[in-house]
């Protein structure tokens, strides 16, 4: 399971960096979204990958940390998902405004000569 997750994080990171280096603004926004997904998966993996593990210790039970999932990375990822969604919406609004003002979606506002 760790190998598949590491490959997924690597593919998302590589694709995100490649798209960020593209000259069109929509590709840059999609690249930033892919990078945020990769970071979210990385943070989630740092909390130890466990299947069917409880996140909360039952009252009165002795707590052995090896039997429970760490809820802190899950809370961080949930917060990061909300922030990245808001950031993507803001970037789309800026993209639409920029396209309306300049008439192009090139990152520097100038179309390269054909």
PDB file of N, CA and C in Angstrom:
ATOM      1  N   UNK A   1       0.823  -1.192   0.000  1.00  0.00           N
ATOM      2  CA  UNK A   1       0.000   0.000   0.000  1.00  0.00           C
ATOM      3  C   UNK A   1       0.868   1.258   0.000  1.00  0.00           C
ATOM      4  N   UNK A   2       1.998   1.207   0.699  1.00  0.00           N
ATOM      5  CA  UNK A   2       2.882   2.366   0.741  1.00  0.00           C
ATOM      6  C   UNK A   2       3.495   2.660  -0.616  1.00  0.00           C
ATOM      7  N   UNK A   3       3.819   1.599  -1.376  1.00  0.00           N
ATOM      8  CA  UNK A   3       4.412   1.793  -2.706  1.00  0.00           C
ATOM      9  C   UNK A   3       3.427   2.470  -3.646  1.00  0.00           C
ATOM     10  N   UNK A   4       2.176   2.050  -3.611  1.00  0.00           N
ATOM     11  CA  UNK A   4       1.154   2.658  -4.470  1.00  0.00           C
ATOM     12  C   UNK A   4       0.947   4.123  -4.093  1.00  0.00           C
ATOM     13  N   UNK A   5       0.924   4.396  -2.801  1.00  0.00           N
ATOM     14  CA  UNK A   5       0.756   5.784  -2.351  1.00  0.00           C
ATOM     15  C   UNK A   5       1.952   6.632  -2.756  1.00  0.00           C
ATOM     16  N   UNK A   6       3.164   6.104  -2.608  1.00  0.00           N
ATOM     17  CA  UNK A   6       4.357   6.860  -2.999  1.00  0.00           C
ATOM     18  C   UNK A   6       4.361   7.125  -4.507  1.00  0.00           C
ATOM     19  N   UNK A   7       3.965   6.122  -5.304  1.00  0.00           N
ATOM     20  CA  UNK A   7       3.889   6.326  -6.752  1.00  0.00           C
ATOM     21  C   UNK A   7       2.830   7.375  -7.099  1.00  0.00           C
ATOM     22  N   UNK A   8       1.706   7.333  -6.415  1.00  0.00           N
ATOM     23  CA  UNK A   8       0.659   8.331  -6.663  1.00  0.00           C
ATOM     24  C   UNK A   8       1.120   9.732  -6.336  1.00  0.00           C
ATOM     25  N   UNK A   9       1.817   9.883  -5.189  1.00  0.00           N
ATOM     26  CA  UNK A   9       2.329  11.196  -4.812  1.00  0.00           C
ATOM     27  C   UNK A   9       3.354  11.672  -5.843  1.00  0.00           C
ATOM     28  N   UNK A  10       4.210  10.775  -6.299  1.00  0.00           N
ATOM     29  CA  UNK A  10       5.220  11.149  -7.294  1.00  0.00           C
ATOM     30  C   UNK A  10       4.609  11.553  -8.620  1.00  0.00           C
ATOM     31  N   UNK A  11       3.611  10.804  -9.064  1.00  0.00           N
ATOM     32  CA  UNK A  11       2.953  11.126 -10.336  1.00  0.00           C
ATOM     33  C   UNK A  11       2.208  12.452 -10.243  1.00  0.00           C
ATOM     34  N   UNK A  12       1.510  12.671  -9.132  1.00  0.00           N
ATOM     35  CA  UNK A  12       0.793  13.942  -8.956  1.00  0.00           C
ATOM     36  C   UNK A  12       1.763  15.115  -8.892  1.00  0.00           C
ATOM     37  N   UNK A  13       2.886  14.941  -8.192  1.00  0.00           N
ATOM     38  CA  UNK A  13       3.868  16.017  -8.091  1.00  0.00           C
ATOM     39  C   UNK A  13       4.498  16.310  -9.451  1.00  0.00           C
ATOM     40  N   UNK A  14       4.900  15.275 -10.165  1.00  0.00           N
ATOM     41  CA  UNK A  14       5.506  15.472 -11.485  1.00  0.00           C
ATOM     42  C   UNK A  14       4.552  16.135 -12.463  1.00  0.00           C
ATOM     43  N   UNK A  15       3.300  15.668 -12.475  1.00  0.00           N
ATOM     44  CA  UNK A  15       2.308  16.258 -13.372  1.00  0.00           C
ATOM     45  C   UNK A  15       2.016  17.706 -12.991  1.00  0.00           C
ATOM     46  N   UNK A  16       1.952  17.978 -11.675  1.00  0.00           N
ATOM     47  CA  UNK A  16       1.690  19.342 -11.229  1.00  0.00           C
ATOM     48  C   UNK A  16       2.795  20.298 -11.592  1.00  0.00           C
ATOM     49  N   UNK A  17       4.030  19.885 -11.400  1.00  0.00           N
ATOM     50  CA  UNK A  17       5.163  20.755 -11.762  1.00  0.00           C
ATOM     51  C   UNK A  17       5.200  20.981 -13.267  1.00  0.00           C
ATOM     52  N   UNK A  18       4.955  19.929 -14.039  1.00  0.00           N
ATOM     53  CA  UNK A  18       4.963  20.070 -15.498  1.00  0.00           C
ATOM     54  C   UNK A  18       3.876  21.053 -15.947  1.00  0.00           C
ATOM     55  N   UNK A  19       2.687  20.960 -15.350  1.00  0.00           N
ATOM     56  CA  UNK A  19       1.604  21.865 -15.740  1.00  0.00           C
ATOM     57  C   UNK A  19       1.865  23.296 -15.275  1.00  0.00           C
ATOM     58  N   UNK A  20       2.514  23.481 -14.119  1.00  0.00           N
ATOM     59  CA  UNK A  20       2.815  24.832 -13.646  1.00  0.00           C
ATOM     60  C   UNK A  20       3.785  25.532 -14.610  1.00  0.00           C
ATOM     61  N   UNK A  21       4.649  24.786 -15.243  1.00  0.00           N
ATOM     62  CA  UNK A  21       5.624  25.377 -16.163  1.00  0.00           C
ATOM     63  C   UNK A  21       5.045  25.641 -17.542  1.00  0.00           C
ATOM     64  N   UNK A  22       3.780  25.358 -17.773  1.00  0.00           N
ATOM     65  CA  UNK A  22       3.138  25.597 -19.069  1.00  0.00           C
ATOM     66  C   UNK A  22       2.782  27.082 -19.194  1.00  0.00           C
ATOM     67  N   UNK A  23       2.619  27.597 -20.430  1.00  0.00           N
ATOM     68  CA  UNK A  23       2.386  29.039 -20.603  1.00  0.00           C
ATOM     69  C   UNK A  23       0.935  29.487 -20.429  1.00  0.00           C
ATOM     70  N   UNK A  24      -0.015  28.592 -20.309  1.00  0.00           N
ATOM     71  CA  UNK A  24      -1.425  28.980 -20.206  1.00  0.00           C
ATOM     72  C   UNK A  24      -1.871  28.971 -18.752  1.00  0.00           C
ATOM     73  N   UNK A  25      -2.707  29.933 -18.376  1.00  0.00           N
ATOM     74  CA  UNK A  25      -3.100  30.092 -16.979  1.00  0.00           C
ATOM     75  C   UNK A  25      -3.963  28.942 -16.476  1.00  0.00           C
ATOM     76  N   UNK A  26      -4.838  28.387 -17.315  1.00  0.00           N
ATOM     77  CA  UNK A  26      -5.669  27.269 -16.868  1.00  0.00           C
ATOM     78  C   UNK A  26      -4.807  26.065 -16.521  1.00  0.00           C
ATOM     79  N   UNK A  27      -3.762  25.829 -17.306  1.00  0.00           N
ATOM     80  CA  UNK A  27      -2.854  24.713 -17.009  1.00  0.00           C
ATOM     81  C   UNK A  27      -2.119  24.946 -15.691  1.00  0.00           C
ATOM     82  N   UNK A  28      -1.782  26.206 -15.397  1.00  0.00           N
ATOM     83  CA  UNK A  28      -1.121  26.525 -14.137  1.00  0.00           C
ATOM     84  C   UNK A  28      -2.059  26.241 -12.961  1.00  0.00           C
ATOM     85  N   UNK A  29      -3.332  26.586 -13.100  1.00  0.00           N
ATOM     86  CA  UNK A  29      -4.300  26.337 -12.025  1.00  0.00           C
ATOM     87  C   UNK A  29      -4.485  24.837 -11.801  1.00  0.00           C
ATOM     88  N   UNK A  30      -4.584  24.068 -12.862  1.00  0.00           N
ATOM     89  CA  UNK A  30      -4.714  22.611 -12.716  1.00  0.00           C
ATOM     90  C   UNK A  30      -3.449  22.031 -12.087  1.00  0.00           C
ATOM     91  N   UNK A  31      -2.279  22.565 -12.461  1.00  0.00           N
ATOM     92  CA  UNK A  31      -1.026  22.114 -11.864  1.00  0.00           C
ATOM     93  C   UNK A  31      -0.960  22.401 -10.377  1.00  0.00           C
ATOM     94  N   UNK A  32      -1.415  23.579  -9.967  1.00  0.00           N
ATOM     95  CA  UNK A  32      -1.451  23.896  -8.536  1.00  0.00           C
ATOM     96  C   UNK A  32      -2.402  22.965  -7.787  1.00  0.00           C
ATOM     97  N   UNK A  33      -3.520  22.629  -8.412  1.00  0.00           N
ATOM     98  CA  UNK A  33      -4.463  21.694  -7.772  1.00  0.00           C
ATOM     99  C   UNK A  33      -3.833  20.313  -7.607  1.00  0.00           C
ATOM    100  N   UNK A  34      -3.121  19.848  -8.634  1.00  0.00           N
ATOM    101  CA  UNK A  34      -2.475  18.533  -8.528  1.00  0.00           C
ATOM    102  C   UNK A  34      -1.400  18.540  -7.450  1.00  0.00           C
ATOM    103  N   UNK A  35      -0.654  19.645  -7.342  1.00  0.00           N
ATOM    104  CA  UNK A  35       0.357  19.737  -6.293  1.00  0.00           C
ATOM    105  C   UNK A  35      -0.280  19.732  -4.905  1.00  0.00           C
ATOM    106  N   UNK A  36      -1.418  20.396  -4.771  1.00  0.00           N
ATOM    107  CA  UNK A  36      -2.078  20.390  -3.458  1.00  0.00           C
ATOM    108  C   UNK A  36      -2.588  18.994  -3.114  1.00  0.00           C
ATOM    109  N   UNK A  37      -3.065  18.240  -4.114  1.00  0.00           N
ATOM    110  CA  UNK A  37      -3.479  16.857  -3.851  1.00  0.00           C
ATOM    111  C   UNK A  37      -2.283  16.014  -3.401  1.00  0.00           C
ATOM    112  N   UNK A  38      -1.135  16.223  -4.045  1.00  0.00           N
ATOM    113  CA  UNK A  38       0.067  15.468  -3.678  1.00  0.00           C
ATOM    114  C   UNK A  38       0.495  15.791  -2.250  1.00  0.00           C
ATOM    115  N   UNK A  39       0.451  17.063  -1.882  1.00  0.00           N
ATOM    116  CA  UNK A  39       0.826  17.456  -0.517  1.00  0.00           C
ATOM    117  C   UNK A  39      -0.164  16.871   0.487  1.00  0.00           C
ATOM    118  N   UNK A  40      -1.447  16.878   0.159  1.00  0.00           N
ATOM    119  CA  UNK A  40      -2.447  16.301   1.058  1.00  0.00           C
ATOM    120  C   UNK A  40      -2.204  14.808   1.279  1.00  0.00           C
ATOM    121  N   UNK A  41      -1.899  14.093   0.212  1.00  0.00           N
ATOM    122  CA  UNK A  41      -1.606  12.661   0.354  1.00  0.00           C
ATOM    123  C   UNK A  41      -0.353  12.442   1.189  1.00  0.00           C
ATOM    124  N   UNK A  42       0.658  13.310   1.003  1.00  0.00           N
ATOM    125  CA  UNK A  42       1.894  13.187   1.775  1.00  0.00           C
ATOM    126  C   UNK A  42       1.628  13.415   3.264  1.00  0.00           C
ATOM    127  N   UNK A  43       0.862  14.456   3.585  1.00  0.00           N
ATOM    128  CA  UNK A  43       0.538  14.736   4.989  1.00  0.00           C
ATOM    129  C   UNK A  43      -0.263  13.573   5.582  1.00  0.00           C
ATOM    130  N   UNK A  44      -1.213  13.059   4.819  1.00  0.00           N
ATOM    131  CA  UNK A  44      -2.018  11.944   5.297  1.00  0.00           C
ATOM    132  C   UNK A  44      -1.154  10.707   5.553  1.00  0.00           C
ATOM    133  N   UNK A  45      -0.178  10.465   4.685  1.00  0.00           N
ATOM    134  CA  UNK A  45       0.692   9.306   4.856  1.00  0.00           C
ATOM    135  C   UNK A  45       1.602   9.460   6.066  1.00  0.00           C
ATOM    136  N   UNK A  46       1.909  10.685   6.466  1.00  0.00           N
ATOM    137  CA  UNK A  46       2.763  10.892   7.628  1.00  0.00           C
ATOM    138  C   UNK A  46       2.068  10.491   8.924  1.00  0.00           C
ATOM    139  N   UNK A  47       0.756  10.361   8.908  1.00  0.00           N
ATOM    140  CA  UNK A  47       0.008   9.955  10.099  1.00  0.00           C
ATOM    141  C   UNK A  47      -0.090   8.464  10.256  1.00  0.00           C
ATOM    142  N   UNK A  48       0.701   7.711   9.569  1.00  0.00           N
ATOM    143  CA  UNK A  48       0.731   6.257   9.610  1.00  0.00           C
ATOM    144  C   UNK A  48      -0.469   5.693   8.869  1.00  0.00           C
ATOM    145  N   UNK A  49      -0.202   4.855   7.911  1.00  0.00           N
ATOM    146  CA  UNK A  49      -1.263   4.239   7.120  1.00  0.00           C
ATOM    147  C   UNK A  49      -1.804   3.034   7.871  1.00  0.00           C
ATOM    148  N   UNK A  50      -3.051   3.120   8.267  1.00  0.00           N
ATOM    149  CA  UNK A  50      -3.711   2.029   8.976  1.00  0.00           C
ATOM    150  C   UNK A  50      -5.080   1.822   8.364  1.00  0.00           C
ATOM    151  N   UNK A  51      -5.485   0.568   8.251  1.00  0.00           N
ATOM    152  CA  UNK A  51      -6.805   0.232   7.733  1.00  0.00           C
ATOM    153  C   UNK A  51      -7.657  -0.246   8.897  1.00  0.00           C
ATOM    154  N   UNK A  52      -8.877   0.257   8.984  1.00  0.00           N
ATOM    155  CA  UNK A  52      -9.843  -0.121  10.016  1.00  0.00           C
ATOM    156  C   UNK A  52      -9.333   0.162  11.432  1.00  0.00           C
ATOM    157  N   UNK A  53      -8.589   1.252  11.609  1.00  0.00           N
ATOM    158  CA  UNK A  53      -8.116   1.628  12.939  1.00  0.00           C
ATOM    159  C   UNK A  53      -8.953   2.800  13.436  1.00  0.00           C
ATOM    160  N   UNK A  54      -9.281   2.760  14.713  1.00  0.00           N
ATOM    161  CA  UNK A  54     -10.072   3.846  15.290  1.00  0.00           C
ATOM    162  C   UNK A  54      -9.204   5.075  15.476  1.00  0.00           C
ATOM    163  N   UNK A  55      -9.827   6.248  15.319  1.00  0.00           N
ATOM    164  CA  UNK A  55      -9.092   7.498  15.496  1.00  0.00           C
ATOM    165  C   UNK A  55      -9.212   8.040  16.900  1.00  0.00           C
ATOM    166  N   UNK A  56     -10.165   7.519  17.679  1.00  0.00           N
ATOM    167  CA  UNK A  56     -10.435   8.033  19.019  1.00  0.00           C
ATOM    168  C   UNK A  56     -10.275   6.896  20.016  1.00  0.00           C
ATOM    169  N   UNK A  57      -9.590   7.183  21.111  1.00  0.00           N
ATOM    170  CA  UNK A  57      -9.400   6.192  22.173  1.00  0.00           C
ATOM    171  C   UNK A  57     -10.677   6.124  23.002  1.00  0.00           C
ATOM    172  N   UNK A  58     -11.144   4.910  23.252  1.00  0.00           N
ATOM    173  CA  UNK A  58     -12.361   4.751  24.042  1.00  0.00           C
ATOM    174  C   UNK A  58     -12.110   5.136  25.495  1.00  0.00           C
ATOM    175  N   UNK A  59     -13.146   5.642  26.131  1.00  0.00           N
ATOM    176  CA  UNK A  59     -13.041   6.062  27.521  1.00  0.00           C
ATOM    177  C   UNK A  59     -12.790   4.844  28.416  1.00  0.00           C
ATOM    178  N   UNK A  60     -11.794   4.973  29.275  1.00  0.00           N
ATOM    179  CA  UNK A  60     -11.488   3.915  30.222  1.00  0.00           C
ATOM    180  C   UNK A  60     -10.590   2.821  29.673  1.00  0.00           C
ATOM    181  N   UNK A  61     -10.331   2.831  28.380  1.00  0.00           N
ATOM    182  CA  UNK A  61      -9.493   1.804  27.779  1.00  0.00           C
ATOM    183  C   UNK A  61      -8.031   2.238  27.851  1.00  0.00           C
ATOM    184  N   UNK A  62      -7.152   1.275  27.967  1.00  0.00           N
ATOM    185  CA  UNK A  62      -5.726   1.611  27.931  1.00  0.00           C
ATOM    186  C   UNK A  62      -5.346   1.912  26.494  1.00  0.00           C
ATOM    187  N   UNK A  63      -4.615   3.000  26.316  1.00  0.00           N
ATOM    188  CA  UNK A  63      -4.297   3.466  24.968  1.00  0.00           C
ATOM    189  C   UNK A  63      -2.935   2.968  24.535  1.00  0.00           C
ATOM    190  N   UNK A  64      -2.931   2.120  23.531  1.00  0.00           N
ATOM    191  CA  UNK A  64      -1.693   1.705  22.883  1.00  0.00           C
ATOM    192  C   UNK A  64      -1.648   2.426  21.540  1.00  0.00           C
ATOM    193  N   UNK A  65      -0.748   3.386  21.377  1.00  0.00           N
ATOM    194  CA  UNK A  65      -0.762   4.201  20.149  1.00  0.00           C
ATOM    195  C   UNK A  65      -0.595   3.401  18.860  1.00  0.00           C
ATOM    196  N   UNK A  66      -0.070   2.203  18.950  1.00  0.00           N
ATOM    197  CA  UNK A  66       0.128   1.435  17.719  1.00  0.00           C
ATOM    198  C   UNK A  66      -1.185   0.886  17.158  1.00  0.00           C
ATOM    199  N   UNK A  67      -2.266   0.915  17.952  1.00  0.00           N
ATOM    200  CA  UNK A  67      -3.547   0.384  17.487  1.00  0.00           C
ATOM    201  C   UNK A  67      -4.494   1.455  16.962  1.00  0.00           C
ATOM    202  N   UNK A  68      -4.073   2.717  17.016  1.00  0.00           N
ATOM    203  CA  UNK A  68      -4.971   3.807  16.628  1.00  0.00           C
ATOM    204  C   UNK A  68      -4.357   4.638  15.523  1.00  0.00           C
ATOM    205  N   UNK A  69      -5.214   5.225  14.717  1.00  0.00           N
ATOM    206  CA  UNK A  69      -4.759   6.156  13.684  1.00  0.00           C
ATOM    207  C   UNK A  69      -4.559   7.525  14.318  1.00  0.00           C
ATOM    208  N   UNK A  70      -3.639   8.303  13.757  1.00  0.00           N
ATOM    209  CA  UNK A  70      -3.369   9.641  14.269  1.00  0.00           C
ATOM    210  C   UNK A  70      -4.377  10.611  13.634  1.00  0.00           C
ATOM    211  N   UNK A  71      -5.240  11.259  14.418  1.00  0.00           N
ATOM    212  CA  UNK A  71      -6.252  12.129  13.830  1.00  0.00           C
ATOM    213  C   UNK A  71      -5.716  13.491  13.395  1.00  0.00           C
ATOM    214  N   UNK A  72      -4.525  13.877  13.843  1.00  0.00           N
ATOM    215  CA  UNK A  72      -3.999  15.201  13.502  1.00  0.00           C
ATOM    216  C   UNK A  72      -3.756  15.360  11.999  1.00  0.00           C
ATOM    217  N   UNK A  73      -3.084  14.418  11.305  1.00  0.00           N
ATOM    218  CA  UNK A  73      -2.925  14.580   9.851  1.00  0.00           C
ATOM    219  C   UNK A  73      -4.264  14.598   9.107  1.00  0.00           C
ATOM    220  N   UNK A  74      -5.230  13.842   9.599  1.00  0.00           N
ATOM    221  CA  UNK A  74      -6.543  13.850   8.954  1.00  0.00           C
ATOM    222  C   UNK A  74      -7.195  15.219   9.077  1.00  0.00           C
ATOM    223  N   UNK A  75      -7.069  15.853  10.246  1.00  0.00           N
ATOM    224  CA  UNK A  75      -7.626  17.194  10.429  1.00  0.00           C
ATOM    225  C   UNK A  75      -6.873  18.214   9.580  1.00  0.00           C
ATOM    226  N   UNK A  76      -5.557  18.068   9.491  1.00  0.00           N
ATOM    227  CA  UNK A  76      -4.775  18.987   8.659  1.00  0.00           C
ATOM    228  C   UNK A  76      -5.154  18.865   7.189  1.00  0.00           C
ATOM    229  N   UNK A  77      -5.339  17.637   6.719  1.00  0.00           N
ATOM    230  CA  UNK A  77      -5.703  17.431   5.308  1.00  0.00           C
ATOM    231  C   UNK A  77      -7.096  17.988   5.026  1.00  0.00           C
ATOM    232  N   UNK A  78      -8.015  17.790   5.960  1.00  0.00           N
ATOM    233  CA  UNK A  78      -9.362  18.334   5.764  1.00  0.00           C
ATOM    234  C   UNK A  78      -9.312  19.860   5.666  1.00  0.00           C
ATOM    235  N   UNK A  79      -8.526  20.495   6.502  1.00  0.00           N
ATOM    236  CA  UNK A  79      -8.362  21.950   6.433  1.00  0.00           C
ATOM    237  C   UNK A  79      -7.693  22.357   5.127  1.00  0.00           C
ATOM    238  N   UNK A  80      -6.691  21.597   4.708  1.00  0.00           N
ATOM    239  CA  UNK A  80      -5.993  21.921   3.464  1.00  0.00           C
ATOM    240  C   UNK A  80      -6.906  21.767   2.259  1.00  0.00           C
ATOM    241  N   UNK A  81      -7.814  20.808   2.283  1.00  0.00           N
ATOM    242  CA  UNK A  81      -8.755  20.639   1.166  1.00  0.00           C
ATOM    243  C   UNK A  81      -9.645  21.867   1.045  1.00  0.00           C
ATOM    244  N   UNK A  82     -10.139  22.368   2.162  1.00  0.00           N
ATOM    245  CA  UNK A  82     -11.004  23.553   2.138  1.00  0.00           C
ATOM    246  C   UNK A  82     -10.227  24.770   1.630  1.00  0.00           C
ATOM    247  N   UNK A  83      -8.998  24.942   2.127  1.00  0.00           N
ATOM    248  CA  UNK A  83      -8.189  26.091   1.705  1.00  0.00           C
ATOM    249  C   UNK A  83      -7.848  25.987   0.225  1.00  0.00           C
ATOM    250  N   UNK A  84      -7.493  24.799  -0.265  1.00  0.00           N
ATOM    251  CA  UNK A  84      -7.142  24.668  -1.683  1.00  0.00           C
ATOM    252  C   UNK A  84      -8.358  24.879  -2.582  1.00  0.00           C
ATOM    253  N   UNK A  85      -9.543  24.482  -2.112  1.00  0.00           N
ATOM    254  CA  UNK A  85     -10.749  24.740  -2.901  1.00  0.00           C
ATOM    255  C   UNK A  85     -10.993  26.244  -3.020  1.00  0.00           C
ATOM    256  N   UNK A  86     -10.841  26.966  -1.917  1.00  0.00           N
ATOM    257  CA  UNK A  86     -11.020  28.418  -1.962  1.00  0.00           C
ATOM    258  C   UNK A  86      -9.957  29.082  -2.831  1.00  0.00           C
ATOM    259  N   UNK A  87      -8.721  28.585  -2.744  1.00  0.00           N
ATOM    260  CA  UNK A  87      -7.648  29.148  -3.561  1.00  0.00           C
ATOM    261  C   UNK A  87      -7.915  28.907  -5.046  1.00  0.00           C
ATOM    262  N   UNK A  88      -8.394  27.732  -5.404  1.00  0.00           N
ATOM    263  CA  UNK A  88      -8.690  27.427  -6.806  1.00  0.00           C
ATOM    264  C   UNK A  88      -9.820  28.317  -7.324  1.00  0.00           C
ATOM    265  N   UNK A  89     -10.851  28.531  -6.502  1.00  0.00           N
ATOM    266  CA  UNK A  89     -11.947  29.404  -6.920  1.00  0.00           C
ATOM    267  C   UNK A  89     -11.452  30.826  -7.129  1.00  0.00           C
ATOM    268  N   UNK A  90     -10.594  31.329  -6.229  1.00  0.00           N
ATOM    269  CA  UNK A  90     -10.041  32.671  -6.385  1.00  0.00           C
ATOM    270  C   UNK A  90      -9.185  32.773  -7.646  1.00  0.00           C
ATOM    271  N   UNK A  91      -8.363  31.758  -7.907  1.00  0.00           N
ATOM    272  CA  UNK A  91      -7.531  31.789  -9.110  1.00  0.00           C
ATOM    273  C   UNK A  91      -8.368  31.742 -10.375  1.00  0.00           C
ATOM    274  N   UNK A  92      -9.472  31.009 -10.360  1.00  0.00           N
ATOM    275  CA  UNK A  92     -10.340  30.982 -11.545  1.00  0.00           C
ATOM    276  C   UNK A  92     -10.966  32.350 -11.791  1.00  0.00           C
ATOM    277  N   UNK A  93     -11.340  33.052 -10.722  1.00  0.00           N
ATOM    278  CA  UNK A  93     -11.896  34.404 -10.893  1.00  0.00           C
ATOM    279  C   UNK A  93     -10.837  35.341 -11.459  1.00  0.00           C
ATOM    280  N   UNK A  94      -9.612  35.243 -10.932  1.00  0.00           N
ATOM    281  CA  UNK A  94      -8.522  36.083 -11.460  1.00  0.00           C
ATOM    282  C   UNK A  94      -8.234  35.720 -12.910  1.00  0.00           C
ATOM    283  N   UNK A  95      -8.286  34.434 -13.248  1.00  0.00           N
ATOM    284  CA  UNK A  95      -8.080  33.997 -14.630  1.00  0.00           C
ATOM    285  C   UNK A  95      -9.124  34.604 -15.548  1.00  0.00           C
ATOM    286  N   UNK A  96     -10.380  34.551 -15.137  1.00  0.00           N
ATOM    287  CA  UNK A  96     -11.443  35.102 -15.993  1.00  0.00           C
ATOM    288  C   UNK A  96     -11.304  36.617 -16.136  1.00  0.00           C
ATOM    289  N   UNK A  97     -10.941  37.306 -15.064  1.00  0.00           N
ATOM    290  CA  UNK A  97     -10.749  38.757 -15.153  1.00  0.00           C
ATOM    291  C   UNK A  97      -9.574  39.099 -16.054  1.00  0.00           C
ATOM    292  N   UNK A  98      -8.491  38.359 -15.925  1.00  0.00           N
ATOM    293  CA  UNK A  98      -7.320  38.602 -16.757  1.00  0.00           C
ATOM    294  C   UNK A  98      -7.620  38.334 -18.222  1.00  0.00           C
ATOM    295  N   UNK A  99      -8.359  37.280 -18.484  1.00  0.00           N
ATOM    296  CA  UNK A  99      -8.708  36.968 -19.877  1.00  0.00           C
ATOM    297  C   UNK A  99      -9.633  38.042 -20.439  1.00  0.00           C
ATOM    298  N   UNK A 100     -10.524  38.566 -19.609  1.00  0.00           N
ATOM    299  CA  UNK A 100     -11.406  39.632 -20.078  1.00  0.00           C
ATOM    300  C   UNK A 100     -10.659  40.921 -20.362  1.00  0.00           C
ATOM    301  N   UNK A 101      -9.621  41.220 -19.571  1.00  0.00           N
ATOM    302  CA  UNK A 101      -8.869  42.457 -19.761  1.00  0.00           C
ATOM    303  C   UNK A 101      -7.876  42.371 -20.904  1.00  0.00           C
ATOM    304  N   UNK A 102      -7.177  41.247 -21.005  1.00  0.00           N
ATOM    305  CA  UNK A 102      -6.116  41.144 -22.012  1.00  0.00           C
ATOM    306  C   UNK A 102      -6.554  40.412 -23.271  1.00  0.00           C
ATOM    307  N   UNK A 103      -7.601  39.601 -23.202  1.00  0.00           N
ATOM    308  CA  UNK A 103      -8.056  38.851 -24.371  1.00  0.00           C
ATOM    309  C   UNK A 103      -7.256  37.593 -24.636  1.00  0.00           C
ATOM    310  N   UNK A 104      -6.363  37.220 -23.725  1.00  0.00           N
ATOM    311  CA  UNK A 104      -5.572  36.011 -23.891  1.00  0.00           C
ATOM    312  C   UNK A 104      -5.429  35.328 -22.532  1.00  0.00           C
ATOM    313  N   UNK A 105      -5.116  34.036 -22.568  1.00  0.00           N
ATOM    314  CA  UNK A 105      -4.894  33.321 -21.317  1.00  0.00           C
ATOM    315  C   UNK A 105      -3.425  32.969 -21.134  1.00  0.00           C
ATOM    316  N   UNK A 106      -2.543  33.653 -21.869  1.00  0.00           N
ATOM    317  CA  UNK A 106      -1.103  33.440 -21.695  1.00  0.00           C
ATOM    318  C   UNK A 106      -0.688  34.041 -20.362  1.00  0.00           C
ATOM    319  N   UNK A 107       0.268  33.434 -19.662  1.00  0.00           N
ATOM    320  CA  UNK A 107       0.599  33.854 -18.304  1.00  0.00           C
ATOM    321  C   UNK A 107       1.136  35.270 -18.223  1.00  0.00           C
ATOM    322  N   UNK A 108       1.832  35.752 -19.249  1.00  0.00           N
ATOM    323  CA  UNK A 108       2.330  37.120 -19.202  1.00  0.00           C
ATOM    324  C   UNK A 108       1.449  38.092 -19.989  1.00  0.00           C
ATOM    325  N   UNK A 109       0.341  37.626 -20.513  1.00  0.00           N
ATOM    326  CA  UNK A 109      -0.599  38.488 -21.211  1.00  0.00           C
ATOM    327  C   UNK A 109      -0.270  38.747 -22.659  1.00  0.00           C
ATOM    328  N   UNK A 110       0.838  38.248 -23.138  1.00  0.00           N
ATOM    329  CA  UNK A 110       1.239  38.449 -24.530  1.00  0.00           C
ATOM    330  C   UNK A 110       1.275  37.111 -25.248  1.00  0.00           C
ATOM    331  N   UNK A 111       0.585  37.031 -26.371  1.00  0.00           N
ATOM    332  CA  UNK A 111       0.625  35.820 -27.179  1.00  0.00           C
ATOM    333  C   UNK A 111       1.950  35.770 -27.919  1.00  0.00           C
ATOM    334  N   UNK A 112       2.589  34.603 -27.952  1.00  0.00           N
ATOM    335  CA  UNK A 112       3.822  34.497 -28.735  1.00  0.00           C
ATOM    336  C   UNK A 112       3.497  34.601 -30.226  1.00  0.00           C
ATOM    337  N   UNK A 113       4.413  35.151 -31.009  1.00  0.00           N
ATOM    338  CA  UNK A 113       4.152  35.273 -32.444  1.00  0.00           C
ATOM    339  C   UNK A 113       4.046  33.898 -33.099  1.00  0.00           C
ATOM    340  N   UNK A 114       3.097  33.768 -33.997  1.00  0.00           N
ATOM    341  CA  UNK A 114       2.868  32.475 -34.656  1.00  0.00           C
ATOM    342  C   UNK A 114       3.797  32.258 -35.811  1.00  0.00           C
TER     343      UNK A 114
END
